[in-house]
Every structure is written in C-alpha cells, then in structure tokens.
C-alpha cells in the first residue's frame, strides 16, 4: 500500500515537507524561480514551533531563520529556502 501511495504522490507532484508540522499549523509549498517557498499559518491560540532542516529567509519579517521557526498565536510566516 505504501508503494502505491508513494507512486500516486510522485505522479501528482506531492512531496514530503523538509520539517515536521505541529497540529493545527498549515503549510503550503510553492515554487518561485526554482526555490521552494513555504506559507505557514498557525491557526491556534498558542505559540507554535517548527524545527527546520536548512536555512530560510522569512519574506514577511526579512529575517534569516535557521533551526527553529517560532510562531505567535494566529501567526503567519513565508519562508524561502536559501
């Protein structure tokens, strides 16, 4: 079953995220000029934390993000791979 799902996802262009996503946090991936951009929304009333693999630039704040992305309640981040 796993191989079948992997094959279907590959054909559909679905790939695994490079970081774990907490419950009630949504991530949408888009590609711009060959770079992955992740639109991340925290739908909770509590802080959320994502452990990242790699380095990113938060296009909302302009800050470099490396290791951990901390989000406020109802927060939003737009991370672009470096």
C-alpha atoms as a PDB file:
ATOM      1  CA  UNK A   1       0.000   0.000   0.000  1.00  0.00           C
ATOM      2  CA  UNK A   2       2.823   2.393   0.904  1.00  0.00           C
ATOM      3  CA  UNK A   3       4.498   1.983  -2.505  1.00  0.00           C
ATOM      4  CA  UNK A   4       1.209   2.622  -4.261  1.00  0.00           C
ATOM      5  CA  UNK A   5       0.666   5.853  -2.314  1.00  0.00           C
ATOM      6  CA  UNK A   6       4.267   6.964  -2.975  1.00  0.00           C
ATOM      7  CA  UNK A   7       3.755   6.352  -6.708  1.00  0.00           C
ATOM      8  CA  UNK A   8       0.456   8.291  -6.744  1.00  0.00           C
ATOM      9  CA  UNK A   9       2.005  11.199  -4.817  1.00  0.00           C
ATOM     10  CA  UNK A  10       5.013  11.306  -7.136  1.00  0.00           C
ATOM     11  CA  UNK A  11       2.770  11.410 -10.230  1.00  0.00           C
ATOM     12  CA  UNK A  12       0.681  14.181  -8.654  1.00  0.00           C
ATOM     13  CA  UNK A  13       3.762  16.222  -7.724  1.00  0.00           C
ATOM     14  CA  UNK A  14       3.154  15.845  -3.989  1.00  0.00           C
ATOM     15  CA  UNK A  15       6.316  15.757  -1.892  1.00  0.00           C
ATOM     16  CA  UNK A  16       7.108  15.497   1.787  1.00  0.00           C
ATOM     17  CA  UNK A  17       7.938  18.682   3.692  1.00  0.00           C
ATOM     18  CA  UNK A  18      11.515  19.085   4.947  1.00  0.00           C
ATOM     19  CA  UNK A  19      10.268  19.727   8.511  1.00  0.00           C
ATOM     20  CA  UNK A  20       7.635  18.414  10.910  1.00  0.00           C
ATOM     21  CA  UNK A  21       4.426  20.426  11.207  1.00  0.00           C
ATOM     22  CA  UNK A  22       2.595  20.755  14.550  1.00  0.00           C
ATOM     23  CA  UNK A  23      -1.121  20.095  14.788  1.00  0.00           C
ATOM     24  CA  UNK A  24      -3.314  22.997  13.593  1.00  0.00           C
ATOM     25  CA  UNK A  25      -0.451  24.581  11.647  1.00  0.00           C
ATOM     26  CA  UNK A  26      -0.881  24.651   7.865  1.00  0.00           C
ATOM     27  CA  UNK A  27       1.943  24.698   5.321  1.00  0.00           C
ATOM     28  CA  UNK A  28       1.530  25.373   1.617  1.00  0.00           C
ATOM     29  CA  UNK A  29       4.547  24.965  -0.674  1.00  0.00           C
ATOM     30  CA  UNK A  30       5.008  26.955  -3.848  1.00  0.00           C
ATOM     31  CA  UNK A  31       7.999  27.180  -6.170  1.00  0.00           C
ATOM     32  CA  UNK A  32       9.235  30.571  -7.381  1.00  0.00           C
ATOM     33  CA  UNK A  33      12.261  30.905  -9.652  1.00  0.00           C
ATOM     34  CA  UNK A  34      13.380  27.411  -8.685  1.00  0.00           C
ATOM     35  CA  UNK A  35      13.200  27.997  -4.917  1.00  0.00           C
ATOM     36  CA  UNK A  36      10.669  26.498  -2.514  1.00  0.00           C
ATOM     37  CA  UNK A  37       8.588  28.995  -0.573  1.00  0.00           C
ATOM     38  CA  UNK A  38       6.554  27.763   2.399  1.00  0.00           C
ATOM     39  CA  UNK A  39       3.461  29.722   3.509  1.00  0.00           C
ATOM     40  CA  UNK A  40       2.947  28.761   7.156  1.00  0.00           C
ATOM     41  CA  UNK A  41      -0.133  29.660   9.209  1.00  0.00           C
ATOM     42  CA  UNK A  42      -0.594  28.930  12.910  1.00  0.00           C
ATOM     43  CA  UNK A  43      -4.337  28.509  13.452  1.00  0.00           C
ATOM     44  CA  UNK A  44      -4.009  28.009  17.212  1.00  0.00           C
ATOM     45  CA  UNK A  45      -4.302  30.376  20.175  1.00  0.00           C
ATOM     46  CA  UNK A  46      -0.865  29.223  21.383  1.00  0.00           C
ATOM     47  CA  UNK A  47       2.711  29.676  20.210  1.00  0.00           C
ATOM     48  CA  UNK A  48       3.884  27.100  17.652  1.00  0.00           C
ATOM     49  CA  UNK A  49       7.376  25.938  16.848  1.00  0.00           C
ATOM     50  CA  UNK A  50       8.694  24.209  13.731  1.00  0.00           C
ATOM     51  CA  UNK A  51      12.103  22.541  13.745  1.00  0.00           C
ATOM     52  CA  UNK A  52      13.639  23.289  10.367  1.00  0.00           C
ATOM     53  CA  UNK A  53      16.212  21.413   8.371  1.00  0.00           C
ATOM     54  CA  UNK A  54      18.060  24.015   6.367  1.00  0.00           C
ATOM     55  CA  UNK A  55      18.278  27.784   6.212  1.00  0.00           C
ATOM     56  CA  UNK A  56      15.460  30.079   5.170  1.00  0.00           C
ATOM     57  CA  UNK A  57      14.592  33.741   4.797  1.00  0.00           C
ATOM     58  CA  UNK A  58      11.262  34.853   6.259  1.00  0.00           C
ATOM     59  CA  UNK A  59       9.875  37.039   3.490  1.00  0.00           C
ATOM     60  CA  UNK A  60       7.423  38.681   5.929  1.00  0.00           C
ATOM     61  CA  UNK A  61       9.971  39.868   8.505  1.00  0.00           C
ATOM     62  CA  UNK A  62      13.079  39.823   6.289  1.00  0.00           C
ATOM     63  CA  UNK A  63      14.954  37.815   8.940  1.00  0.00           C
ATOM     64  CA  UNK A  64      17.090  34.725   8.415  1.00  0.00           C
ATOM     65  CA  UNK A  65      15.631  31.619  10.032  1.00  0.00           C
ATOM     66  CA  UNK A  66      17.886  28.701  10.886  1.00  0.00           C
ATOM     67  CA  UNK A  67      16.942  25.705  13.026  1.00  0.00           C
ATOM     68  CA  UNK A  68      13.614  26.830  14.535  1.00  0.00           C
ATOM     69  CA  UNK A  69      10.699  28.918  13.301  1.00  0.00           C
ATOM     70  CA  UNK A  70       8.741  30.304  16.261  1.00  0.00           C
ATOM     71  CA  UNK A  71       5.233  31.491  15.516  1.00  0.00           C
ATOM     72  CA  UNK A  72       2.872  33.543  17.620  1.00  0.00           C
ATOM     73  CA  UNK A  73      -0.792  32.565  18.050  1.00  0.00           C
ATOM     74  CA  UNK A  74      -2.603  33.087  14.730  1.00  0.00           C
ATOM     75  CA  UNK A  75       0.820  33.870  13.228  1.00  0.00           C
ATOM     76  CA  UNK A  76       1.988  33.686   9.617  1.00  0.00           C
ATOM     77  CA  UNK A  77       5.411  33.170   8.066  1.00  0.00           C
ATOM     78  CA  UNK A  78       6.600  32.903   4.484  1.00  0.00           C
ATOM     79  CA  UNK A  79       9.898  31.005   4.372  1.00  0.00           C
ATOM     80  CA  UNK A  80      12.054  30.842   1.253  1.00  0.00           C
ATOM     81  CA  UNK A  81      14.893  28.331   1.016  1.00  0.00           C
ATOM     82  CA  UNK A  82      18.385  29.799   0.866  1.00  0.00           C
END
